[in-house]
Amino acid sequence: MPHATAGDGVRLYFEAAGRGVPVLFAHEFGGDHRSWEPQVRHLARSRRCIVFAARGYPPSDVPPAQASYSQERAADDAVAVLDAAGADRAHVVGNSMGAFCALHVGLRHPGRVRSLVVAGCGYGTHPRTEAAFRAGCEQLAVAYETEGSRAVAPRYGGGPARLQFQAKDPRGHAEHVRVLADHDPLGAARTLRGVLMTRPSLFGMRPRLAALDLPVLVVAGDEDGDVLDTGIMLKRTIPRAGLAVLPRSGHVTNLEEPALFNLLVERFVEQVEEQGARDPRTPAAAP
């Protein structure tokens, strides 16, 4: 199995399919490299699609030390995967935790990025819900440690922003819950405490985001809690950002509406390759 090696020696599992311009996919907390299968099956016809399992998610290594997990390491891990795959620059697509990763790759390693697709990005970052989100992450980490992944999976998979997926596609949602049940409980708990609980608020990062000179597509489900508000903020802050809002959709838009998500990503990537995406001279609405 192909693995990349991170700067601290952690091995990261990845897969690649197709030929052409590279597209790197970063998964959410509730998924893994398998969560992008609908996108890979479609986009690998014309692009080189690379998926990987974040540290803490087998078959990647599950380092036991809490210090091995952070937002910065997550972004650097994505670049290590690009290195191992022989990709100099890539379009980086992420959902939720993976969307935060994509943004930080763009901020930390802009020379490795062609564009960013930032989907489902917002939990724990809005000032009015930040404290509650962090407390919830700690409760979930304890649940993983004391109950295990198979007990946690149905509750987490049945959360308010995933009910839309269950209603639209029960079979797909059941597969999603099975992926959740496969999580390594130690890796999940360490990821919650080291990445999700400690990542900086995007609202506090607006000056850095305003200086991000990359084409960005923000994708949000209109029934996905604070994600929609955060998506609007990102659209208004990042100079070359566009915003797509999917109706009657929750947190996992790439799985809920794969055909629409694929079309959005494919057209965006084509626009970037052809013309550089949105003209930053177009005025944005006031924040």
C-alpha atoms as a PDB file:
ATOM      1  CA  MET A   1       0.000   0.000   0.000  1.00  0.00           C
ATOM      2  CA  PRO A   2       1.396   3.466  -0.868  1.00  0.00           C
ATOM      3  CA  HIS A   3       2.283   5.667   2.086  1.00  0.00           C
ATOM      4  CA  ALA A   4       3.685   9.158   2.482  1.00  0.00           C
ATOM      5  CA  THR A   5       5.938   9.989   5.417  1.00  0.00           C
ATOM      6  CA  ALA A   6       5.219  13.158   7.387  1.00  0.00           C
ATOM      7  CA  GLY A   7       7.958  15.319   8.854  1.00  0.00           C
ATOM      8  CA  ASP A   8       7.682  13.588  12.229  1.00  0.00           C
ATOM      9  CA  GLY A   9       7.833  10.103  10.719  1.00  0.00           C
ATOM     10  CA  VAL A  10       4.073   9.351  10.738  1.00  0.00           C
ATOM     11  CA  ARG A  11       3.064   7.241   7.741  1.00  0.00           C
ATOM     12  CA  LEU A  12       0.035   8.433   5.759  1.00  0.00           C
ATOM     13  CA  TYR A  13      -1.899   6.082   3.505  1.00  0.00           C
ATOM     14  CA  PHE A  14      -2.956   7.453   0.112  1.00  0.00           C
ATOM     15  CA  GLU A  15      -4.432   6.293  -3.168  1.00  0.00           C
ATOM     16  CA  ALA A  16      -4.226   7.872  -6.627  1.00  0.00           C
ATOM     17  CA  ALA A  17      -6.365   7.307  -9.711  1.00  0.00           C
ATOM     18  CA  GLY A  18      -6.520   8.868 -13.152  1.00  0.00           C
ATOM     19  CA  ARG A  19      -4.213  11.123 -15.103  1.00  0.00           C
ATOM     20  CA  GLY A  20      -3.914  14.849 -15.573  1.00  0.00           C
ATOM     21  CA  VAL A  21      -3.846  17.832 -13.246  1.00  0.00           C
ATOM     22  CA  PRO A  22      -3.747  16.621  -9.608  1.00  0.00           C
ATOM     23  CA  VAL A  23      -6.737  17.029  -7.294  1.00  0.00           C
ATOM     24  CA  LEU A  24      -6.104  16.252  -3.622  1.00  0.00           C
ATOM     25  CA  PHE A  25      -9.055  15.394  -1.354  1.00  0.00           C
ATOM     26  CA  ALA A  26      -8.981  15.913   2.430  1.00  0.00           C
ATOM     27  CA  HIS A  27     -11.713  14.133   4.404  1.00  0.00           C
ATOM     28  CA  GLU A  28     -13.898  15.207   7.295  1.00  0.00           C
ATOM     29  CA  PHE A  29     -13.658  13.976  10.904  1.00  0.00           C
ATOM     30  CA  GLY A  30     -16.566  11.597  10.308  1.00  0.00           C
ATOM     31  CA  GLY A  31     -15.059  10.031   7.194  1.00  0.00           C
ATOM     32  CA  ASP A  32     -11.788   8.800   5.766  1.00  0.00           C
ATOM     33  CA  HIS A  33     -10.201   8.359   2.346  1.00  0.00           C
ATOM     34  CA  ARG A  34     -13.214   6.282   1.246  1.00  0.00           C
ATOM     35  CA  SER A  35     -15.552   9.250   1.662  1.00  0.00           C
ATOM     36  CA  TRP A  36     -14.464  10.698  -1.688  1.00  0.00           C
ATOM     37  CA  GLU A  37     -15.305   7.678  -3.831  1.00  0.00           C
ATOM     38  CA  PRO A  38     -18.169   9.443  -5.728  1.00  0.00           C
ATOM     39  CA  GLN A  39     -15.783  12.249  -6.637  1.00  0.00           C
ATOM     40  CA  VAL A  40     -12.871  10.011  -7.614  1.00  0.00           C
ATOM     41  CA  ARG A  41     -15.057   7.832  -9.856  1.00  0.00           C
ATOM     42  CA  HIS A  42     -16.171  10.939 -11.754  1.00  0.00           C
ATOM     43  CA  LEU A  43     -13.151  13.233 -11.763  1.00  0.00           C
ATOM     44  CA  ALA A  44     -10.484  10.575 -12.338  1.00  0.00           C
ATOM     45  CA  ARG A  45     -11.719  10.354 -15.920  1.00  0.00           C
ATOM     46  CA  SER A  46      -9.915  13.622 -16.632  1.00  0.00           C
ATOM     47  CA  ARG A  47      -7.802  14.420 -13.535  1.00  0.00           C
ATOM     48  CA  ARG A  48      -5.361  12.684 -11.240  1.00  0.00           C
ATOM     49  CA  CYS A  49      -7.302  12.225  -8.008  1.00  0.00           C
ATOM     50  CA  ILE A  50      -5.422  11.669  -4.746  1.00  0.00           C
ATOM     51  CA  VAL A  51      -7.155  10.670  -1.518  1.00  0.00           C
ATOM     52  CA  PHE A  52      -5.493  10.005   1.826  1.00  0.00           C
ATOM     53  CA  ALA A  53      -6.315   8.990   5.367  1.00  0.00           C
ATOM     54  CA  ALA A  54      -5.379  11.621   7.933  1.00  0.00           C
ATOM     55  CA  ARG A  55      -3.091  10.637  10.782  1.00  0.00           C
ATOM     56  CA  GLY A  56      -5.138   8.773  13.357  1.00  0.00           C
ATOM     57  CA  TYR A  57      -7.197   7.079  10.631  1.00  0.00           C
ATOM     58  CA  PRO A  58      -6.006   3.595   9.623  1.00  0.00           C
ATOM     59  CA  PRO A  59      -4.429   2.487   7.368  1.00  0.00           C
ATOM     60  CA  SER A  60      -2.449   5.653   8.230  1.00  0.00           C
ATOM     61  CA  ASP A  61      -0.507   5.549  11.482  1.00  0.00           C
ATOM     62  CA  VAL A  62      -2.238   6.321  14.771  1.00  0.00           C
ATOM     63  CA  PRO A  63       0.436   8.067  16.843  1.00  0.00           C
ATOM     64  CA  PRO A  64      -0.355   7.744  20.574  1.00  0.00           C
ATOM     65  CA  ALA A  65       0.997  11.121  21.688  1.00  0.00           C
ATOM     66  CA  GLN A  66      -1.508  13.979  21.822  1.00  0.00           C
ATOM     67  CA  ALA A  67       1.228  16.369  20.684  1.00  0.00           C
ATOM     68  CA  SER A  68       1.311  14.566  17.329  1.00  0.00           C
ATOM     69  CA  TYR A  69      -2.059  16.083  16.340  1.00  0.00           C
ATOM     70  CA  SER A  70      -2.647  19.713  15.366  1.00  0.00           C
ATOM     71  CA  GLN A  71      -4.107  21.851  12.593  1.00  0.00           C
ATOM     72  CA  GLU A  72      -0.617  22.756  11.432  1.00  0.00           C
ATOM     73  CA  ARG A  73       0.443  19.113  11.231  1.00  0.00           C
ATOM     74  CA  ALA A  74      -2.745  18.302   9.301  1.00  0.00           C
ATOM     75  CA  ALA A  75      -1.878  20.892   6.654  1.00  0.00           C
ATOM     76  CA  ASP A  76       1.738  19.756   6.445  1.00  0.00           C
ATOM     77  CA  ASP A  77       0.585  16.127   6.166  1.00  0.00           C
ATOM     78  CA  ALA A  78      -1.409  17.027   3.051  1.00  0.00           C
ATOM     79  CA  VAL A  79       1.741  18.459   1.485  1.00  0.00           C
ATOM     80  CA  ALA A  80       3.669  15.305   2.435  1.00  0.00           C
ATOM     81  CA  VAL A  81       1.073  13.318   0.497  1.00  0.00           C
ATOM     82  CA  LEU A  82       1.543  15.585  -2.525  1.00  0.00           C
ATOM     83  CA  ASP A  83       5.286  15.017  -2.290  1.00  0.00           C
ATOM     84  CA  ALA A  84       4.900  11.243  -2.135  1.00  0.00           C
ATOM     85  CA  ALA A  85       2.468  11.294  -5.051  1.00  0.00           C
ATOM     86  CA  GLY A  86       4.871  13.379  -7.121  1.00  0.00           C
ATOM     87  CA  ALA A  87       2.430  16.283  -7.401  1.00  0.00           C
ATOM     88  CA  ASP A  88       4.026  19.726  -7.432  1.00  0.00           C
ATOM     89  CA  ARG A  89       0.766  21.716  -7.281  1.00  0.00           C
ATOM     90  CA  ALA A  90      -2.811  20.533  -6.888  1.00  0.00           C
ATOM     91  CA  HIS A  91      -6.391  21.632  -6.577  1.00  0.00           C
ATOM     92  CA  VAL A  92      -7.184  20.863  -2.930  1.00  0.00           C
ATOM     93  CA  VAL A  93     -10.740  19.810  -2.054  1.00  0.00           C
ATOM     94  CA  GLY A  94     -11.822  19.387   1.565  1.00  0.00           C
ATOM     95  CA  ASN A  95     -14.986  18.876   3.559  1.00  0.00           C
ATOM     96  CA  SER A  96     -15.408  20.006   7.195  1.00  0.00           C
ATOM     97  CA  MET A  97     -12.168  19.053   8.996  1.00  0.00           C
ATOM     98  CA  GLY A  98     -10.680  18.553   5.544  1.00  0.00           C
ATOM     99  CA  ALA A  99     -11.877  22.008   4.476  1.00  0.00           C
ATOM    100  CA  PHE A 100     -10.045  23.576   7.417  1.00  0.00           C
ATOM    101  CA  CYS A 101      -7.033  21.538   6.315  1.00  0.00           C
ATOM    102  CA  ALA A 102      -7.373  22.836   2.744  1.00  0.00           C
ATOM    103  CA  LEU A 103      -7.531  26.451   3.903  1.00  0.00           C
ATOM    104  CA  HIS A 104      -4.434  26.004   6.048  1.00  0.00           C
ATOM    105  CA  VAL A 105      -2.590  24.348   3.173  1.00  0.00           C
ATOM    106  CA  GLY A 106      -3.388  27.439   1.121  1.00  0.00           C
ATOM    107  CA  LEU A 107      -2.165  29.734   3.881  1.00  0.00           C
ATOM    108  CA  ARG A 108       0.957  27.740   4.813  1.00  0.00           C
ATOM    109  CA  HIS A 109       1.961  26.389   1.395  1.00  0.00           C
ATOM    110  CA  PRO A 110       0.364  28.596  -1.299  1.00  0.00           C
ATOM    111  CA  GLY A 111       2.947  27.566  -3.864  1.00  0.00           C
ATOM    112  CA  ARG A 112       1.635  24.000  -3.774  1.00  0.00           C
ATOM    113  CA  VAL A 113      -1.977  24.971  -4.482  1.00  0.00           C
ATOM    114  CA  ARG A 114      -3.812  25.647  -7.750  1.00  0.00           C
ATOM    115  CA  SER A 115      -7.156  26.294  -6.071  1.00  0.00           C
ATOM    116  CA  LEU A 116      -9.177  25.377  -2.980  1.00  0.00           C
ATOM    117  CA  VAL A 117     -12.650  23.880  -2.626  1.00  0.00           C
ATOM    118  CA  VAL A 118     -13.807  24.490   0.952  1.00  0.00           C
ATOM    119  CA  ALA A 119     -17.010  22.583   1.779  1.00  0.00           C
ATOM    120  CA  GLY A 120     -18.866  22.249   5.070  1.00  0.00           C
ATOM    121  CA  CYS A 121     -16.402  24.559   6.799  1.00  0.00           C
ATOM    122  CA  GLY A 122     -17.549  26.348   9.933  1.00  0.00           C
ATOM    123  CA  TYR A 123     -18.126  24.226  13.025  1.00  0.00           C
ATOM    124  CA  GLY A 124     -16.463  25.655  16.106  1.00  0.00           C
ATOM    125  CA  THR A 125     -15.384  28.825  14.415  1.00  0.00           C
ATOM    126  CA  HIS A 126     -18.315  31.207  14.967  1.00  0.00           C
ATOM    127  CA  PRO A 127     -17.831  33.288  18.140  1.00  0.00           C
ATOM    128  CA  ARG A 128     -21.321  32.523  19.430  1.00  0.00           C
ATOM    129  CA  THR A 129     -20.849  28.741  19.327  1.00  0.00           C
ATOM    130  CA  GLU A 130     -17.092  28.287  19.726  1.00  0.00           C
ATOM    131  CA  ALA A 131     -17.124  27.419  23.442  1.00  0.00           C
ATOM    132  CA  ALA A 132     -20.001  24.950  23.094  1.00  0.00           C
ATOM    133  CA  PHE A 133     -18.282  23.283  20.152  1.00  0.00           C
ATOM    134  CA  ARG A 134     -15.072  22.737  22.086  1.00  0.00           C
ATOM    135  CA  ALA A 135     -16.989  21.310  25.035  1.00  0.00           C
ATOM    136  CA  GLY A 136     -18.845  18.973  22.706  1.00  0.00           C
ATOM    137  CA  CYS A 137     -15.564  17.777  21.179  1.00  0.00           C
ATOM    138  CA  GLU A 138     -14.259  16.862  24.620  1.00  0.00           C
ATOM    139  CA  GLN A 139     -17.438  14.938  25.411  1.00  0.00           C
ATOM    140  CA  LEU A 140     -17.153  13.090  22.119  1.00  0.00           C
ATOM    141  CA  ALA A 141     -13.479  12.290  22.752  1.00  0.00           C
ATOM    142  CA  VAL A 142     -14.385  10.769  26.127  1.00  0.00           C
ATOM    143  CA  ALA A 143     -17.133   8.740  24.447  1.00  0.00           C
ATOM    144  CA  TYR A 144     -14.654   7.327  21.929  1.00  0.00           C
ATOM    145  CA  GLU A 145     -12.276   6.404  24.749  1.00  0.00           C
ATOM    146  CA  THR A 146     -14.876   4.816  27.005  1.00  0.00           C
ATOM    147  CA  GLU A 147     -17.459   3.364  24.589  1.00  0.00           C
ATOM    148  CA  GLY A 148     -15.558   2.752  21.366  1.00  0.00           C
ATOM    149  CA  SER A 149     -16.247   3.692  17.773  1.00  0.00           C
ATOM    150  CA  ARG A 150     -19.033   1.217  17.082  1.00  0.00           C
ATOM    151  CA  ALA A 151     -21.120   2.637  19.917  1.00  0.00           C
ATOM    152  CA  VAL A 152     -20.453   6.260  18.947  1.00  0.00           C
ATOM    153  CA  ALA A 153     -21.017   5.869  15.190  1.00  0.00           C
ATOM    154  CA  PRO A 154     -24.852   5.694  15.139  1.00  0.00           C
ATOM    155  CA  ARG A 155     -25.183   8.748  17.403  1.00  0.00           C
ATOM    156  CA  TYR A 156     -22.647  10.834  15.519  1.00  0.00           C
ATOM    157  CA  GLY A 157     -23.943   9.709  12.140  1.00  0.00           C
ATOM    158  CA  GLY A 158     -27.476  10.627  13.204  1.00  0.00           C
ATOM    159  CA  GLY A 159     -26.577  14.207  14.137  1.00  0.00           C
ATOM    160  CA  PRO A 160     -28.738  17.160  13.027  1.00  0.00           C
ATOM    161  CA  ALA A 161     -26.585  18.036  10.006  1.00  0.00           C
ATOM    162  CA  ARG A 162     -26.490  14.423   8.758  1.00  0.00           C
ATOM    163  CA  LEU A 163     -30.226  13.706   8.892  1.00  0.00           C
ATOM    164  CA  GLN A 164     -30.611  15.242   5.431  1.00  0.00           C
ATOM    165  CA  PHE A 165     -28.243  12.613   4.038  1.00  0.00           C
ATOM    166  CA  GLN A 166     -30.166   9.844   5.797  1.00  0.00           C
ATOM    167  CA  ALA A 167     -33.473  11.074   4.382  1.00  0.00           C
ATOM    168  CA  LYS A 168     -32.169  11.391   0.809  1.00  0.00           C
ATOM    169  CA  ASP A 169     -30.075   8.253   0.632  1.00  0.00           C
ATOM    170  CA  PRO A 170     -30.591   5.709   3.452  1.00  0.00           C
ATOM    171  CA  ARG A 171     -28.252   3.206   1.836  1.00  0.00           C
ATOM    172  CA  GLY A 172     -25.481   5.758   1.398  1.00  0.00           C
ATOM    173  CA  HIS A 173     -25.995   7.021   4.944  1.00  0.00           C
ATOM    174  CA  ALA A 174     -25.728   3.475   6.311  1.00  0.00           C
ATOM    175  CA  GLU A 175     -22.402   3.080   4.513  1.00  0.00           C
ATOM    176  CA  HIS A 176     -21.285   6.401   6.013  1.00  0.00           C
ATOM    177  CA  VAL A 177     -22.089   5.110   9.518  1.00  0.00           C
ATOM    178  CA  ARG A 178     -20.116   1.929   8.812  1.00  0.00           C
ATOM    179  CA  VAL A 179     -17.081   4.068   7.966  1.00  0.00           C
ATOM    180  CA  LEU A 180     -17.584   5.915  11.253  1.00  0.00           C
ATOM    181  CA  ALA A 181     -17.666   2.602  13.107  1.00  0.00           C
ATOM    182  CA  ASP A 182     -14.275   1.700  11.614  1.00  0.00           C
ATOM    183  CA  HIS A 183     -12.556   4.677  13.252  1.00  0.00           C
ATOM    184  CA  ASP A 184      -9.713   3.989  15.605  1.00  0.00           C
ATOM    185  CA  PRO A 185     -11.008   5.312  18.959  1.00  0.00           C
ATOM    186  CA  LEU A 186      -7.600   6.572  20.066  1.00  0.00           C
ATOM    187  CA  GLY A 187      -7.039   8.338  16.761  1.00  0.00           C
ATOM    188  CA  ALA A 188     -10.525   9.870  16.904  1.00  0.00           C
ATOM    189  CA  ALA A 189     -10.049  11.168  20.451  1.00  0.00           C
ATOM    190  CA  ARG A 190      -6.589  12.578  19.685  1.00  0.00           C
ATOM    191  CA  THR A 191      -7.897  14.227  16.512  1.00  0.00           C
ATOM    192  CA  LEU A 192     -10.781  15.836  18.392  1.00  0.00           C
ATOM    193  CA  ARG A 193      -8.505  17.277  21.080  1.00  0.00           C
ATOM    194  CA  GLY A 194      -5.527  18.157  18.908  1.00  0.00           C
ATOM    195  CA  VAL A 195      -7.125  19.365  15.692  1.00  0.00           C
ATOM    196  CA  LEU A 196     -10.797  20.280  16.102  1.00  0.00           C
ATOM    197  CA  MET A 197     -10.687  21.691  19.637  1.00  0.00           C
ATOM    198  CA  THR A 198      -7.551  23.765  19.196  1.00  0.00           C
ATOM    199  CA  ARG A 199      -7.786  25.047  15.629  1.00  0.00           C
ATOM    200  CA  PRO A 200      -8.011  28.840  15.412  1.00  0.00           C
ATOM    201  CA  SER A 201     -11.336  30.500  14.692  1.00  0.00           C
ATOM    202  CA  LEU A 202     -11.701  31.493  11.054  1.00  0.00           C
ATOM    203  CA  PHE A 203     -13.433  34.686  12.179  1.00  0.00           C
ATOM    204  CA  GLY A 204     -10.248  35.583  14.048  1.00  0.00           C
ATOM    205  CA  MET A 205      -8.197  34.798  10.944  1.00  0.00           C
ATOM    206  CA  ARG A 206      -9.919  37.267   8.630  1.00  0.00           C
ATOM    207  CA  PRO A 207      -6.805  39.405   8.021  1.00  0.00           C
ATOM    208  CA  ARG A 208      -4.875  36.313   6.890  1.00  0.00           C
ATOM    209  CA  LEU A 209      -7.784  35.075   4.798  1.00  0.00           C
ATOM    210  CA  ALA A 210      -8.148  38.488   3.158  1.00  0.00           C
ATOM    211  CA  ALA A 211      -4.540  38.161   1.970  1.00  0.00           C
ATOM    212  CA  LEU A 212      -5.083  34.678   0.494  1.00  0.00           C
ATOM    213  CA  ASP A 213      -4.410  35.057  -3.237  1.00  0.00           C
ATOM    214  CA  LEU A 214      -5.873  31.789  -4.491  1.00  0.00           C
ATOM    215  CA  PRO A 215      -9.093  30.863  -6.301  1.00  0.00           C
ATOM    216  CA  VAL A 216     -11.488  29.423  -3.726  1.00  0.00           C
ATOM    217  CA  LEU A 217     -14.886  27.785  -4.044  1.00  0.00           C
ATOM    218  CA  VAL A 218     -16.859  27.725  -0.793  1.00  0.00           C
ATOM    219  CA  VAL A 219     -19.640  25.094  -0.646  1.00  0.00           C
ATOM    220  CA  ALA A 220     -22.314  25.034   2.066  1.00  0.00           C
ATOM    221  CA  GLY A 221     -25.511  23.147   2.702  1.00  0.00           C
ATOM    222  CA  ASP A 222     -28.327  25.504   3.631  1.00  0.00           C
ATOM    223  CA  GLU A 223     -29.307  23.292   6.601  1.00  0.00           C
ATOM    224  CA  ASP A 224     -25.794  22.954   8.007  1.00  0.00           C
ATOM    225  CA  GLY A 225     -25.842  25.086  11.157  1.00  0.00           C
ATOM    226  CA  ASP A 226     -23.095  27.702  11.404  1.00  0.00           C
ATOM    227  CA  VAL A 227     -21.482  26.515   8.176  1.00  0.00           C
ATOM    228  CA  LEU A 228     -23.675  28.768   6.044  1.00  0.00           C
ATOM    229  CA  ASP A 229     -22.814  31.877   8.088  1.00  0.00           C
ATOM    230  CA  THR A 230     -19.128  30.985   7.958  1.00  0.00           C
ATOM    231  CA  GLY A 231     -19.352  30.349   4.223  1.00  0.00           C
ATOM    232  CA  ILE A 232     -20.774  33.811   3.650  1.00  0.00           C
ATOM    233  CA  MET A 233     -17.958  35.284   5.759  1.00  0.00           C
ATOM    234  CA  LEU A 234     -15.353  33.393   3.721  1.00  0.00           C
ATOM    235  CA  LYS A 235     -16.947  34.563   0.473  1.00  0.00           C
ATOM    236  CA  ARG A 236     -16.826  38.175   1.642  1.00  0.00           C
ATOM    237  CA  THR A 237     -13.281  37.917   3.020  1.00  0.00           C
ATOM    238  CA  ILE A 238     -11.240  35.913   0.506  1.00  0.00           C
ATOM    239  CA  PRO A 239     -10.742  38.105  -2.578  1.00  0.00           C
ATOM    240  CA  ARG A 240     -11.008  35.339  -5.206  1.00  0.00           C
ATOM    241  CA  ALA A 241     -13.748  33.271  -3.544  1.00  0.00           C
ATOM    242  CA  GLY A 242     -17.042  32.074  -4.935  1.00  0.00           C
ATOM    243  CA  LEU A 243     -19.920  30.602  -2.931  1.00  0.00           C
ATOM    244  CA  ALA A 244     -22.250  27.713  -3.796  1.00  0.00           C
ATOM    245  CA  VAL A 245     -25.176  26.956  -1.475  1.00  0.00           C
ATOM    246  CA  LEU A 246     -26.865  23.582  -1.915  1.00  0.00           C
ATOM    247  CA  PRO A 247     -30.581  23.635  -1.053  1.00  0.00           C
ATOM    248  CA  ARG A 248     -32.069  21.285   1.548  1.00  0.00           C
ATOM    249  CA  SER A 249     -28.605  19.915   2.259  1.00  0.00           C
ATOM    250  CA  GLY A 250     -26.606  19.267   5.406  1.00  0.00           C
ATOM    251  CA  HIS A 251     -22.969  18.657   6.244  1.00  0.00           C
ATOM    252  CA  VAL A 252     -21.744  16.010   3.811  1.00  0.00           C
ATOM    253  CA  THR A 253     -22.714  17.614   0.511  1.00  0.00           C
ATOM    254  CA  ASN A 254     -20.267  15.497  -1.502  1.00  0.00           C
ATOM    255  CA  LEU A 255     -22.170  12.375  -0.392  1.00  0.00           C
ATOM    256  CA  GLU A 256     -25.675  13.852  -0.183  1.00  0.00           C
ATOM    257  CA  GLU A 257     -25.583  15.426  -3.639  1.00  0.00           C
ATOM    258  CA  PRO A 258     -22.641  13.804  -5.418  1.00  0.00           C
ATOM    259  CA  ALA A 259     -23.697  14.693  -8.963  1.00  0.00           C
ATOM    260  CA  LEU A 260     -24.174  18.364  -8.103  1.00  0.00           C
ATOM    261  CA  PHE A 261     -21.008  18.496  -6.013  1.00  0.00           C
ATOM    262  CA  ASN A 262     -19.001  16.881  -8.815  1.00  0.00           C
ATOM    263  CA  LEU A 263     -20.385  19.343 -11.350  1.00  0.00           C
ATOM    264  CA  LEU A 264     -19.502  22.317  -9.140  1.00  0.00           C
ATOM    265  CA  VAL A 265     -15.956  21.095  -8.543  1.00  0.00           C
ATOM    266  CA  GLU A 266     -15.399  20.116 -12.163  1.00  0.00           C
ATOM    267  CA  ARG A 267     -16.578  23.467 -13.541  1.00  0.00           C
ATOM    268  CA  PHE A 268     -14.619  25.404 -10.919  1.00  0.00           C
ATOM    269  CA  VAL A 269     -11.410  23.518 -11.663  1.00  0.00           C
ATOM    270  CA  GLU A 270     -11.928  24.050 -15.386  1.00  0.00           C
ATOM    271  CA  GLN A 271     -12.457  27.772 -14.834  1.00  0.00           C
ATOM    272  CA  VAL A 272      -9.308  28.024 -12.759  1.00  0.00           C
ATOM    273  CA  GLU A 273      -7.271  26.189 -15.374  1.00  0.00           C
ATOM    274  CA  GLU A 274      -8.643  28.360 -18.159  1.00  0.00           C
ATOM    275  CA  GLN A 275      -9.016  31.806 -16.630  1.00  0.00           C
ATOM    276  CA  GLY A 276      -8.067  31.884 -12.963  1.00  0.00           C
ATOM    277  CA  ALA A 277     -11.669  31.877 -11.596  1.00  0.00           C
ATOM    278  CA  ARG A 278     -13.336  34.947 -10.112  1.00  0.00           C
ATOM    279  CA  ASP A 279     -12.023  38.401 -10.958  1.00  0.00           C
ATOM    280  CA  PRO A 280     -11.122  39.988  -7.604  1.00  0.00           C
ATOM    281  CA  ARG A 281     -12.134  43.415  -8.946  1.00  0.00           C
ATOM    282  CA  THR A 282     -15.763  42.336  -8.696  1.00  0.00           C
ATOM    283  CA  PRO A 283     -17.098  44.035  -5.576  1.00  0.00           C
ATOM    284  CA  ALA A 284     -18.188  41.768  -2.727  1.00  0.00           C
ATOM    285  CA  ALA A 285     -21.018  42.544  -0.343  1.00  0.00           C
ATOM    286  CA  ALA A 286     -20.013  44.311   2.845  1.00  0.00           C
ATOM    287  CA  PRO A 287     -19.380  41.927   5.786  1.00  0.00           C
END
